[in-house]
């Protein structure tokens, strides 16, 4: 891996997307969330992985956990959601983006792929929430710096 990234968006393809988990639980009597009365706390974890057996394939696993709470405290809720989505990217010459000494991936590559996966996940989650208690949930747009802070840049090859 060089000091200057060799990442070029033209050298990637999004091969597959798997929705591993899309789960919403509502253990309350609340059937409608009034905008401005509830708050959603969303945590994100992004985990990259590579396989010794599938050359040039990089997997990004995105895990979203969503907890909903009442802003006024008078209407306790126990609404939770979990979404696990796996993205498989084909990256031309992926091995040049791996530092074999410390098993880190080129940050420019992984951040750009994470931005693509995060944006795609926003749409998937919005669609999965339609017809549920979370039908008004829109996962926020995040700056690259916040997405980058959710990435585990160290990986263990499978």
Protein backbone atom coordinates (compact mmCIF):
# COMPACT_ATOMS: atom_id res chain seq x y z
CA UNK A 1 0.00 0.00 0.00
CA UNK A 2 1.53 3.31 -1.01
CA UNK A 3 1.46 6.62 0.81
CA UNK A 4 -0.81 8.04 -1.89
CA UNK A 5 -3.99 6.11 -2.53
CA UNK A 6 -4.47 4.47 -5.90
CA UNK A 7 -8.24 4.32 -5.42
CA UNK A 8 -10.31 5.07 -8.50
CA UNK A 9 -14.09 4.71 -8.42
CA UNK A 10 -13.98 3.30 -11.96
CA UNK A 11 -12.12 0.27 -10.56
CA UNK A 12 -14.97 -0.90 -8.32
CA UNK A 13 -18.25 -2.73 -8.84
CA UNK A 14 -20.96 -3.43 -6.31
CA UNK A 15 -21.49 -7.16 -6.84
CA UNK A 16 -24.09 -8.06 -4.22
CA UNK A 17 -26.11 -6.72 -1.31
CA UNK A 18 -27.47 -9.03 1.37
CA UNK A 19 -29.91 -7.92 4.04
CA UNK A 20 -28.82 -10.18 6.89
CA UNK A 21 -31.21 -8.78 9.49
CA UNK A 22 -34.07 -6.29 9.35
CA UNK A 23 -35.80 -6.40 12.70
CA UNK A 24 -38.11 -3.89 14.38
CA UNK A 25 -39.56 -4.52 17.84
CA UNK A 26 -42.26 -2.46 19.53
CA UNK A 27 -42.84 -3.61 23.10
CA UNK A 28 -45.17 -0.73 23.94
CA UNK A 29 -48.73 0.33 23.29
CA UNK A 30 -47.56 3.17 21.06
CA UNK A 31 -48.83 2.81 17.50
CA UNK A 32 -47.87 6.20 16.07
CA UNK A 33 -44.76 8.25 16.68
CA UNK A 34 -45.59 11.95 16.56
CA UNK A 35 -42.76 13.92 15.00
CA UNK A 36 -40.97 16.06 17.58
CA UNK A 37 -42.16 13.93 20.51
CA UNK A 38 -39.68 11.09 20.07
CA UNK A 39 -35.97 10.78 19.44
CA UNK A 40 -34.13 8.07 17.53
CA UNK A 41 -30.60 7.18 18.57
CA UNK A 42 -28.80 5.43 15.73
CA UNK A 43 -25.48 3.68 16.14
CA UNK A 44 -23.48 2.44 13.19
CA UNK A 45 -20.65 -0.04 12.95
CA UNK A 46 -18.87 -0.81 9.68
CA UNK A 47 -16.73 -3.92 9.41
CA UNK A 48 -14.58 -4.63 6.34
CA UNK A 49 -13.48 -8.16 5.52
CA UNK A 50 -11.59 -9.93 2.75
CA UNK A 51 -11.47 -13.55 1.70
CA UNK A 52 -8.40 -15.52 0.70
CA UNK A 53 -10.65 -17.50 -1.64
CA UNK A 54 -12.34 -14.69 -3.58
CA UNK A 55 -9.71 -12.44 -5.07
CA UNK A 56 -10.55 -8.74 -5.35
CA UNK A 57 -13.74 -9.01 -3.27
CA UNK A 58 -14.14 -6.74 -0.25
CA UNK A 59 -17.08 -7.17 2.08
CA UNK A 60 -18.43 -4.28 4.12
CA UNK A 61 -20.82 -5.24 6.87
CA UNK A 62 -22.95 -2.35 8.14
CA UNK A 63 -24.77 -2.76 11.43
CA UNK A 64 -27.38 -0.19 12.44
CA UNK A 65 -28.97 -0.21 15.90
CA UNK A 66 -31.86 2.18 16.45
CA UNK A 67 -33.37 3.00 19.84
CA UNK A 68 -36.42 5.23 20.17
CA UNK A 69 -37.27 7.24 23.27
CA UNK A 70 -39.77 9.85 24.31
CA UNK A 71 -38.43 13.40 24.53
CA UNK A 72 -40.75 14.39 27.39
CA UNK A 73 -40.37 11.19 29.44
CA UNK A 74 -44.14 10.94 29.98
CA UNK A 75 -44.70 8.35 27.28
CA UNK A 76 -42.12 5.58 27.80
CA UNK A 77 -41.42 3.53 24.71
CA UNK A 78 -39.40 0.44 23.98
CA UNK A 79 -38.99 0.52 20.22
CA UNK A 80 -35.80 -0.90 18.78
CA UNK A 81 -34.59 -1.77 15.32
CA UNK A 82 -31.57 -3.60 13.99
CA UNK A 83 -30.43 -3.72 10.41
CA UNK A 84 -27.41 -5.73 9.26
CA UNK A 85 -26.54 -5.28 5.60
CA UNK A 86 -23.58 -6.84 3.78
CA UNK A 87 -22.08 -5.28 0.65
CA UNK A 88 -19.71 -7.14 -1.64
CA UNK A 89 -17.51 -4.91 -3.75
CA UNK A 90 -15.24 -6.12 -6.53
CA UNK A 91 -12.09 -3.97 -6.43
CA UNK A 92 -9.56 -4.15 -9.24
CA UNK A 93 -6.14 -5.09 -7.80
CA UNK A 94 -7.45 -5.11 -4.24
CA UNK A 95 -4.15 -6.42 -2.89
CA UNK A 96 -2.44 -3.07 -3.54
CA UNK A 97 -4.78 -1.50 -0.95
CA UNK A 98 -3.71 -3.83 1.86
CA UNK A 99 -0.81 -3.13 4.17
CA UNK A 100 0.45 -6.65 4.90
CA UNK A 101 2.48 -5.49 7.91
CA UNK A 102 -0.41 -4.30 10.07
CA UNK A 103 -3.40 -5.66 8.11
CA UNK A 104 -4.92 -2.27 7.46
CA UNK A 105 -6.81 -1.29 4.36
CA UNK A 106 -6.22 1.92 2.44
CA UNK A 107 -8.40 4.47 4.21
CA UNK A 108 -9.34 6.33 1.00
CA UNK A 109 -10.70 3.11 -0.51
CA UNK A 110 -12.58 1.98 2.56
CA UNK A 111 -14.07 5.40 3.31
CA UNK A 112 -15.33 5.81 -0.26
CA UNK A 113 -16.88 2.33 -0.26
CA UNK A 114 -18.39 3.02 3.17
CA UNK A 115 -20.00 6.21 1.86
CA UNK A 116 -21.58 4.23 -0.99
CA UNK A 117 -22.79 1.49 1.35
CA UNK A 118 -24.11 3.97 3.94
CA UNK A 119 -26.10 5.93 1.36
CA UNK A 120 -27.56 2.73 -0.06
CA UNK A 121 -28.42 1.53 3.45
CA UNK A 122 -30.38 4.71 4.14
CA UNK A 123 -32.74 3.84 1.29
CA UNK A 124 -33.01 0.18 2.29
CA UNK A 125 -33.84 1.07 5.89
CA UNK A 126 -36.40 3.68 4.81
CA UNK A 127 -38.12 1.08 2.63
CA UNK A 128 -38.07 -1.60 5.35
CA UNK A 129 -39.61 0.84 7.86
CA UNK A 130 -42.62 1.67 5.68
CA UNK A 131 -45.79 0.15 7.16
CA UNK A 132 -44.21 -0.11 10.63
CA UNK A 133 -44.07 2.06 13.76
CA UNK A 134 -40.89 3.59 12.31
CA UNK A 135 -42.54 4.67 9.04
CA UNK A 136 -41.33 8.26 9.48
CA UNK A 137 -37.71 7.32 10.21
CA UNK A 138 -35.14 8.72 7.82
CA UNK A 139 -31.56 7.77 8.65
CA UNK A 140 -29.66 11.09 8.56
CA UNK A 141 -27.10 12.12 6.01
CA UNK A 142 -23.68 11.96 7.67
CA UNK A 143 -20.44 13.70 6.83
CA UNK A 144 -17.62 11.44 5.76
CA UNK A 145 -15.80 12.06 9.05
CA UNK A 146 -18.67 10.50 11.06
CA UNK A 147 -18.90 7.51 8.73
CA UNK A 148 -15.13 7.06 8.93
CA UNK A 149 -15.28 6.96 12.74
CA UNK A 150 -17.57 3.90 12.48
CA UNK A 151 -15.13 1.85 10.41
CA UNK A 152 -12.91 -0.89 11.75
CA UNK A 153 -9.89 -0.34 9.49
CA UNK A 154 -8.11 -3.38 10.89
CA UNK A 155 -9.42 -6.65 9.52
CA UNK A 156 -8.70 -10.34 9.72
CA UNK A 157 -8.66 -12.14 6.38
CA UNK A 158 -10.97 -15.18 6.26
